[in-house]
Amino acid sequence: MDCKPNTKDCACSYPGCPRHGRCCECVAYHRGKNQVTACFFSPAAERTYDRSIANLARDKGLL
């Protein structure tokens, strides 16, 4: 997938992430795993690396 890097605004803190700053690749990867990308989470929830929809709901106070 051809994707222009956007490392300045990337919220991912996962060490060595091969998709860091490559939003279209990141979305495709996590969508394929039924997950949500880091940019939807608060900084504290993002650092758990739990990209599940349930964790997003907890993070946003929906559960």
C-alpha atoms as a PDB file:
ATOM      1  CA  MET A   1       0.000   0.000   0.000  1.00  0.00           C
ATOM      2  CA  ASP A   2       1.432   3.397  -0.972  1.00  0.00           C
ATOM      3  CA  CYS A   3       1.049   5.769   1.943  1.00  0.00           C
ATOM      4  CA  LYS A   4       2.648   9.115   2.777  1.00  0.00           C
ATOM      5  CA  PRO A   5       4.110   9.114   6.324  1.00  0.00           C
ATOM      6  CA  ASN A   6       2.635  11.420   8.967  1.00  0.00           C
ATOM      7  CA  THR A   7       4.888  10.732  11.950  1.00  0.00           C
ATOM      8  CA  LYS A   8       4.347  14.175  13.482  1.00  0.00           C
ATOM      9  CA  ASP A   9       0.688  13.486  14.289  1.00  0.00           C
ATOM     10  CA  CYS A  10       0.894   9.720  14.891  1.00  0.00           C
ATOM     11  CA  ALA A  11      -0.460   8.741  18.338  1.00  0.00           C
ATOM     12  CA  CYS A  12       1.037   5.246  18.340  1.00  0.00           C
ATOM     13  CA  SER A  13       3.596   4.626  21.086  1.00  0.00           C
ATOM     14  CA  TYR A  14       4.255   0.958  20.246  1.00  0.00           C
ATOM     15  CA  PRO A  15       8.059   0.542  20.021  1.00  0.00           C
ATOM     16  CA  GLY A  16       9.260  -0.295  16.541  1.00  0.00           C
ATOM     17  CA  CYS A  17       5.813  -0.197  14.939  1.00  0.00           C
ATOM     18  CA  PRO A  18       6.354  -0.725  11.193  1.00  0.00           C
ATOM     19  CA  ARG A  19       3.201   1.315  10.438  1.00  0.00           C
ATOM     20  CA  HIS A  20       4.133   4.335  12.610  1.00  0.00           C
ATOM     21  CA  GLY A  21       2.963   7.459  10.814  1.00  0.00           C
ATOM     22  CA  ARG A  22       1.433   5.497   7.938  1.00  0.00           C
ATOM     23  CA  CYS A  23      -2.239   5.977   8.726  1.00  0.00           C
ATOM     24  CA  CYS A  24      -3.723   4.098   5.779  1.00  0.00           C
ATOM     25  CA  GLU A  25      -1.559   1.039   6.499  1.00  0.00           C
ATOM     26  CA  CYS A  26      -2.366   1.245  10.216  1.00  0.00           C
ATOM     27  CA  VAL A  27      -6.129   1.464   9.637  1.00  0.00           C
ATOM     28  CA  ALA A  28      -6.036  -1.479   7.210  1.00  0.00           C
ATOM     29  CA  TYR A  29      -3.966  -3.589   9.614  1.00  0.00           C
ATOM     30  CA  HIS A  30      -6.147  -2.967  12.677  1.00  0.00           C
ATOM     31  CA  ARG A  31      -9.404  -3.194  10.736  1.00  0.00           C
ATOM     32  CA  GLY A  32      -8.348  -6.626   9.558  1.00  0.00           C
ATOM     33  CA  LYS A  33      -7.936  -7.643  13.216  1.00  0.00           C
ATOM     34  CA  ASN A  34     -11.294  -6.088  14.267  1.00  0.00           C
ATOM     35  CA  GLN A  35      -9.412  -3.421  16.232  1.00  0.00           C
ATOM     36  CA  VAL A  36      -9.255   0.369  16.444  1.00  0.00           C
ATOM     37  CA  THR A  37      -6.158   2.483  15.749  1.00  0.00           C
ATOM     38  CA  ALA A  38      -4.196   4.304  18.474  1.00  0.00           C
ATOM     39  CA  CYS A  39      -5.414   7.747  17.438  1.00  0.00           C
ATOM     40  CA  PHE A  40      -8.908   7.045  18.824  1.00  0.00           C
ATOM     41  CA  PHE A  41      -7.683   6.376  22.382  1.00  0.00           C
ATOM     42  CA  SER A  42      -6.648   8.684  25.203  1.00  0.00           C
ATOM     43  CA  PRO A  43      -2.869   8.692  25.730  1.00  0.00           C
ATOM     44  CA  ALA A  44      -3.190   6.490  28.849  1.00  0.00           C
ATOM     45  CA  ALA A  45      -5.413   3.913  27.144  1.00  0.00           C
ATOM     46  CA  GLU A  46      -3.235   3.940  24.024  1.00  0.00           C
ATOM     47  CA  ARG A  47      -0.180   2.940  26.076  1.00  0.00           C
ATOM     48  CA  THR A  48      -1.926  -0.322  27.080  1.00  0.00           C
ATOM     49  CA  TYR A  49      -1.695  -1.437  23.410  1.00  0.00           C
ATOM     50  CA  ASP A  50      -5.195  -2.910  23.815  1.00  0.00           C
ATOM     51  CA  ARG A  51      -6.770  -1.803  20.528  1.00  0.00           C
ATOM     52  CA  SER A  52     -10.051  -3.643  21.127  1.00  0.00           C
ATOM     53  CA  ILE A  53     -13.419  -2.006  20.623  1.00  0.00           C
ATOM     54  CA  ALA A  54     -14.299  -2.905  24.237  1.00  0.00           C
ATOM     55  CA  ASN A  55     -11.210  -1.043  25.486  1.00  0.00           C
ATOM     56  CA  LEU A  56     -12.177   1.989  23.399  1.00  0.00           C
ATOM     57  CA  ALA A  57     -15.663   1.914  24.940  1.00  0.00           C
ATOM     58  CA  ARG A  58     -14.124   1.764  28.447  1.00  0.00           C
ATOM     59  CA  ASP A  59     -11.727   4.570  27.586  1.00  0.00           C
ATOM     60  CA  LYS A  60     -14.603   6.774  26.414  1.00  0.00           C
ATOM     61  CA  GLY A  61     -16.741   5.898  29.472  1.00  0.00           C
ATOM     62  CA  LEU A  62     -19.324   3.895  27.535  1.00  0.00           C
ATOM     63  CA  LEU A  63     -18.851   0.702  29.601  1.00  0.00           C
END
